[in-house]
N, C-alpha and C. Protein backbone atom coordinates (compact mmCIF):
# COMPACT_ATOMS: atom_id res chain seq x y z
N UNK A 1 -35.60 16.09 60.46
CA UNK A 1 -35.32 17.55 60.68
C UNK A 1 -35.01 17.58 62.24
N UNK A 2 -34.32 18.65 62.60
CA UNK A 2 -33.98 18.93 63.98
C UNK A 2 -34.82 20.12 64.36
N UNK A 3 -35.55 19.86 65.51
CA UNK A 3 -36.47 20.93 65.91
C UNK A 3 -35.79 21.48 67.23
N UNK A 4 -35.72 22.82 67.25
CA UNK A 4 -35.11 23.40 68.46
C UNK A 4 -36.15 23.91 69.40
N UNK A 5 -36.21 23.49 70.63
CA UNK A 5 -37.09 23.96 71.60
C UNK A 5 -36.31 24.46 72.81
N UNK A 6 -36.44 25.76 72.99
CA UNK A 6 -35.66 26.42 74.12
C UNK A 6 -34.23 26.05 74.09
N UNK A 7 -33.67 26.04 72.96
CA UNK A 7 -32.19 25.81 72.84
C UNK A 7 -31.82 24.31 72.78
N UNK A 8 -32.82 23.40 72.88
CA UNK A 8 -32.51 22.00 72.84
C UNK A 8 -32.95 21.44 71.50
N UNK A 9 -32.04 20.70 70.79
CA UNK A 9 -32.43 20.21 69.48
C UNK A 9 -32.96 18.84 69.54
N UNK A 10 -34.08 18.52 68.92
CA UNK A 10 -34.70 17.16 68.93
C UNK A 10 -34.75 16.68 67.46
N UNK A 11 -34.38 15.52 67.21
CA UNK A 11 -34.44 14.86 65.91
C UNK A 11 -35.94 14.39 65.72
N UNK A 12 -36.58 14.92 64.78
CA UNK A 12 -37.95 14.60 64.44
C UNK A 12 -38.11 14.12 63.02
N UNK A 13 -38.61 12.89 62.87
CA UNK A 13 -38.76 12.34 61.55
C UNK A 13 -40.13 12.89 60.98
N UNK A 14 -40.14 13.40 59.82
CA UNK A 14 -41.32 14.04 59.27
C UNK A 14 -41.55 13.54 57.81
N UNK A 15 -42.81 13.61 57.32
CA UNK A 15 -43.04 13.17 55.85
C UNK A 15 -42.23 14.07 55.03
N UNK A 16 -41.77 13.44 53.94
CA UNK A 16 -40.89 14.14 52.85
C UNK A 16 -41.50 15.32 52.42
N UNK A 17 -42.81 15.42 52.17
CA UNK A 17 -43.45 16.59 51.70
C UNK A 17 -43.39 17.75 52.62
N UNK A 18 -43.37 17.43 53.95
CA UNK A 18 -43.22 18.47 55.02
C UNK A 18 -41.88 19.01 55.03
N UNK A 19 -40.84 18.04 54.92
CA UNK A 19 -39.50 18.49 55.04
C UNK A 19 -39.17 19.42 53.84
N UNK A 20 -39.76 19.16 52.75
CA UNK A 20 -39.46 20.04 51.51
C UNK A 20 -40.14 21.29 51.62
N UNK A 21 -41.21 21.43 52.32
CA UNK A 21 -41.92 22.66 52.37
C UNK A 21 -41.54 23.68 53.37
N UNK A 22 -40.66 23.26 54.35
CA UNK A 22 -40.28 24.17 55.47
C UNK A 22 -38.85 24.77 55.11
N UNK A 23 -38.82 26.11 55.29
CA UNK A 23 -37.53 26.84 55.11
C UNK A 23 -36.63 26.57 56.30
N UNK A 24 -35.27 26.60 56.16
CA UNK A 24 -34.46 26.46 57.28
C UNK A 24 -34.59 27.61 58.27
N UNK A 25 -34.61 27.29 59.60
CA UNK A 25 -34.82 28.24 60.70
C UNK A 25 -36.21 28.82 60.71
N UNK A 26 -37.10 28.15 60.06
CA UNK A 26 -38.53 28.69 60.06
C UNK A 26 -39.18 28.34 61.42
N UNK A 27 -40.14 29.11 61.82
CA UNK A 27 -40.94 28.77 63.00
C UNK A 27 -42.05 28.02 62.58
N UNK A 28 -42.25 26.82 63.04
CA UNK A 28 -43.41 26.07 62.60
C UNK A 28 -44.00 25.29 63.79
N UNK A 29 -45.35 25.03 63.74
CA UNK A 29 -45.99 24.14 64.78
C UNK A 29 -46.17 22.79 64.26
N UNK A 30 -45.74 21.83 64.94
CA UNK A 30 -45.95 20.38 64.48
C UNK A 30 -46.59 19.57 65.52
N UNK A 31 -47.34 18.59 65.12
CA UNK A 31 -47.96 17.69 66.02
C UNK A 31 -47.05 16.48 66.04
N UNK A 32 -46.56 16.12 67.25
CA UNK A 32 -45.52 15.10 67.49
C UNK A 32 -46.08 13.86 68.00
N UNK A 33 -45.76 12.64 67.46
CA UNK A 33 -46.09 11.40 67.93
C UNK A 33 -44.80 10.84 68.45
N UNK A 34 -44.75 10.38 69.70
CA UNK A 34 -43.55 9.73 70.35
C UNK A 34 -43.63 8.26 70.23
N UNK A 35 -42.74 7.67 69.50
CA UNK A 35 -42.72 6.28 69.38
C UNK A 35 -41.65 5.71 70.31
N UNK A 36 -42.09 4.80 71.21
CA UNK A 36 -41.38 4.30 72.24
C UNK A 36 -41.21 2.80 71.97
N UNK A 37 -39.94 2.32 72.00
CA UNK A 37 -39.62 0.90 71.87
C UNK A 37 -38.63 0.63 73.01
N UNK A 38 -38.32 -0.65 73.14
CA UNK A 38 -37.42 -1.11 74.25
C UNK A 38 -36.09 -0.34 74.35
N UNK A 39 -35.57 -0.19 73.10
CA UNK A 39 -34.20 0.44 73.10
C UNK A 39 -34.08 1.79 72.44
N UNK A 40 -35.15 2.37 72.14
CA UNK A 40 -35.14 3.68 71.49
C UNK A 40 -36.46 4.48 71.64
N UNK A 41 -36.31 5.76 71.51
CA UNK A 41 -37.44 6.69 71.55
C UNK A 41 -37.35 7.65 70.32
N UNK A 42 -38.27 7.57 69.55
CA UNK A 42 -38.26 8.38 68.23
C UNK A 42 -39.43 9.31 68.20
N UNK A 43 -39.21 10.48 67.54
CA UNK A 43 -40.26 11.52 67.47
C UNK A 43 -40.67 11.56 66.03
N UNK A 44 -41.95 11.70 65.72
CA UNK A 44 -42.45 11.81 64.34
C UNK A 44 -43.31 13.03 64.32
N UNK A 45 -43.12 13.99 63.37
CA UNK A 45 -43.84 15.17 63.36
C UNK A 45 -44.78 15.37 62.19
N UNK A 46 -45.83 16.06 62.36
CA UNK A 46 -46.86 16.32 61.25
C UNK A 46 -47.36 17.65 61.38
N UNK A 47 -47.64 18.41 60.17
CA UNK A 47 -48.28 19.66 60.23
C UNK A 47 -49.76 19.68 60.61
N UNK A 48 -50.35 18.60 60.03
CA UNK A 48 -51.83 18.39 60.25
C UNK A 48 -52.11 17.32 61.33
N UNK A 49 -52.96 17.69 62.13
CA UNK A 49 -53.52 16.70 63.11
C UNK A 49 -54.00 15.46 62.43
N UNK A 50 -54.76 15.61 61.27
CA UNK A 50 -55.27 14.47 60.55
C UNK A 50 -54.21 13.54 60.09
N UNK A 51 -52.94 14.08 59.64
CA UNK A 51 -51.90 13.26 59.20
C UNK A 51 -51.35 12.50 60.45
N UNK A 52 -51.26 13.10 61.58
CA UNK A 52 -50.78 12.41 62.86
C UNK A 52 -51.78 11.26 63.16
N UNK A 53 -53.08 11.50 63.07
CA UNK A 53 -54.05 10.54 63.33
C UNK A 53 -53.98 9.39 62.40
N UNK A 54 -53.86 9.59 61.16
CA UNK A 54 -53.87 8.47 60.17
C UNK A 54 -52.51 7.68 60.40
N UNK A 55 -51.52 8.41 60.84
CA UNK A 55 -50.25 7.76 61.07
C UNK A 55 -50.39 6.79 62.20
N UNK A 56 -50.94 7.19 63.23
CA UNK A 56 -51.12 6.31 64.43
C UNK A 56 -52.13 5.08 64.15
N UNK A 57 -53.01 5.39 63.21
CA UNK A 57 -53.95 4.33 62.86
C UNK A 57 -53.08 3.27 61.97
N UNK A 58 -52.23 3.76 61.18
CA UNK A 58 -51.45 2.88 60.34
C UNK A 58 -50.56 2.01 61.18
N UNK A 59 -50.08 2.52 62.29
CA UNK A 59 -49.20 1.75 63.21
C UNK A 59 -49.98 0.57 63.74
N UNK A 60 -51.21 0.57 63.71
CA UNK A 60 -52.04 -0.57 64.30
C UNK A 60 -52.19 -1.67 63.26
N UNK A 61 -51.76 -1.48 62.09
CA UNK A 61 -51.91 -2.45 61.12
C UNK A 61 -50.76 -3.46 61.13
N UNK A 62 -51.07 -4.80 61.17
CA UNK A 62 -49.93 -5.81 61.25
C UNK A 62 -48.93 -5.62 60.13
N UNK A 63 -47.65 -5.53 60.55
CA UNK A 63 -46.53 -5.51 59.51
C UNK A 63 -46.20 -4.05 59.18
N UNK A 64 -46.94 -3.05 59.74
CA UNK A 64 -46.60 -1.70 59.36
C UNK A 64 -45.95 -1.10 60.61
N UNK A 65 -44.67 -0.70 60.49
CA UNK A 65 -43.90 -0.10 61.52
C UNK A 65 -43.84 1.42 61.38
N UNK A 66 -43.11 2.06 62.28
CA UNK A 66 -42.98 3.56 62.27
C UNK A 66 -42.55 4.14 60.94
N UNK A 67 -41.46 3.53 60.38
CA UNK A 67 -40.90 4.10 59.18
C UNK A 67 -41.85 3.82 57.91
N UNK A 68 -42.42 2.65 57.90
CA UNK A 68 -43.29 2.40 56.80
C UNK A 68 -44.50 3.29 56.87
N UNK A 69 -45.16 3.47 58.02
CA UNK A 69 -46.18 4.45 58.18
C UNK A 69 -45.85 5.92 57.73
N UNK A 70 -44.60 6.22 58.08
CA UNK A 70 -44.10 7.54 57.70
C UNK A 70 -44.05 7.62 56.09
N UNK A 71 -43.63 6.51 55.53
CA UNK A 71 -43.50 6.48 54.01
C UNK A 71 -44.91 6.65 53.44
N UNK A 72 -45.90 6.01 54.03
CA UNK A 72 -47.28 6.10 53.49
C UNK A 72 -47.82 7.52 53.67
N UNK A 73 -47.61 8.23 54.82
CA UNK A 73 -48.02 9.50 55.00
C UNK A 73 -47.17 10.49 54.24
N UNK A 74 -45.93 10.20 53.85
CA UNK A 74 -45.04 11.01 52.92
C UNK A 74 -45.78 11.03 51.56
N UNK A 75 -46.32 9.94 51.21
CA UNK A 75 -46.84 9.82 49.81
C UNK A 75 -48.20 10.68 49.58
N UNK A 76 -48.95 10.73 50.61
CA UNK A 76 -50.30 11.33 50.45
C UNK A 76 -50.85 11.94 51.74
N UNK A 77 -51.74 12.76 51.64
CA UNK A 77 -52.44 13.40 52.79
C UNK A 77 -53.41 12.35 53.42
N UNK A 78 -53.88 12.66 54.63
CA UNK A 78 -54.72 11.66 55.31
C UNK A 78 -55.99 11.28 54.52
N UNK A 79 -56.63 12.34 53.89
CA UNK A 79 -57.84 11.94 53.22
C UNK A 79 -57.64 11.02 52.04
N UNK A 80 -56.48 11.14 51.29
CA UNK A 80 -56.11 10.34 50.14
C UNK A 80 -55.80 8.88 50.68
N UNK A 81 -55.26 8.73 51.80
CA UNK A 81 -55.00 7.44 52.40
C UNK A 81 -56.24 6.75 52.78
N UNK A 82 -57.12 7.54 53.37
CA UNK A 82 -58.38 7.02 53.81
C UNK A 82 -59.17 6.52 52.62
N UNK A 83 -59.18 7.21 51.57
CA UNK A 83 -59.84 6.89 50.33
C UNK A 83 -59.22 5.60 49.77
N UNK A 84 -57.98 5.51 49.83
CA UNK A 84 -57.22 4.31 49.27
C UNK A 84 -57.65 3.05 50.08
N UNK A 85 -57.82 3.20 51.37
CA UNK A 85 -58.14 2.02 52.18
C UNK A 85 -59.73 1.79 51.94
N UNK A 86 -60.52 2.72 51.84
CA UNK A 86 -61.98 2.52 51.69
C UNK A 86 -62.27 1.81 50.28
N UNK A 87 -61.50 2.18 49.28
CA UNK A 87 -61.60 1.70 47.91
C UNK A 87 -60.77 0.40 47.63
N UNK A 88 -60.06 0.01 48.60
CA UNK A 88 -59.16 -1.19 48.55
C UNK A 88 -58.17 -0.91 47.31
N UNK A 89 -57.64 0.23 47.18
CA UNK A 89 -56.70 0.63 46.16
C UNK A 89 -55.27 -0.06 46.43
N UNK A 90 -55.14 -1.34 46.01
CA UNK A 90 -53.87 -2.05 46.19
C UNK A 90 -52.73 -1.28 45.56
N UNK A 91 -52.85 -0.78 44.40
CA UNK A 91 -51.78 -0.06 43.70
C UNK A 91 -51.23 1.04 44.56
N UNK A 92 -52.09 1.86 45.35
CA UNK A 92 -51.69 2.88 46.08
C UNK A 92 -50.62 2.41 47.13
N UNK A 93 -50.82 1.27 47.69
CA UNK A 93 -49.96 0.83 48.74
C UNK A 93 -48.79 0.03 48.26
N UNK A 94 -48.86 -0.65 47.10
CA UNK A 94 -47.74 -1.44 46.54
C UNK A 94 -46.67 -0.48 46.01
N UNK A 95 -46.98 0.73 45.65
CA UNK A 95 -45.93 1.67 45.21
C UNK A 95 -45.07 2.17 46.35
N UNK A 96 -45.40 1.85 47.64
CA UNK A 96 -44.64 2.34 48.75
C UNK A 96 -43.64 1.31 49.15
N UNK A 97 -42.36 1.76 49.37
CA UNK A 97 -41.36 0.78 49.69
C UNK A 97 -41.44 0.34 51.19
């Protein structure tokens, strides 16, 4: 999605469920994570602080990058992801591309 801040548009990657729930030109507050790499800077936005927190925790897992973590957060809310980790629910994670 493109977020307009004081007339400047920023591309912000958001979970699919968030993108589908927001009306065009709606005013919304999002929690942004800035992903910095050598050659790029990407913004990832979340409605809930808990979703942002679980997203950043997922990034610390070996083999999980920014887009994969976003796919996981797109699938479920933070509490559901936490439960899947605690119960070692392999099926939950294997369904994610």
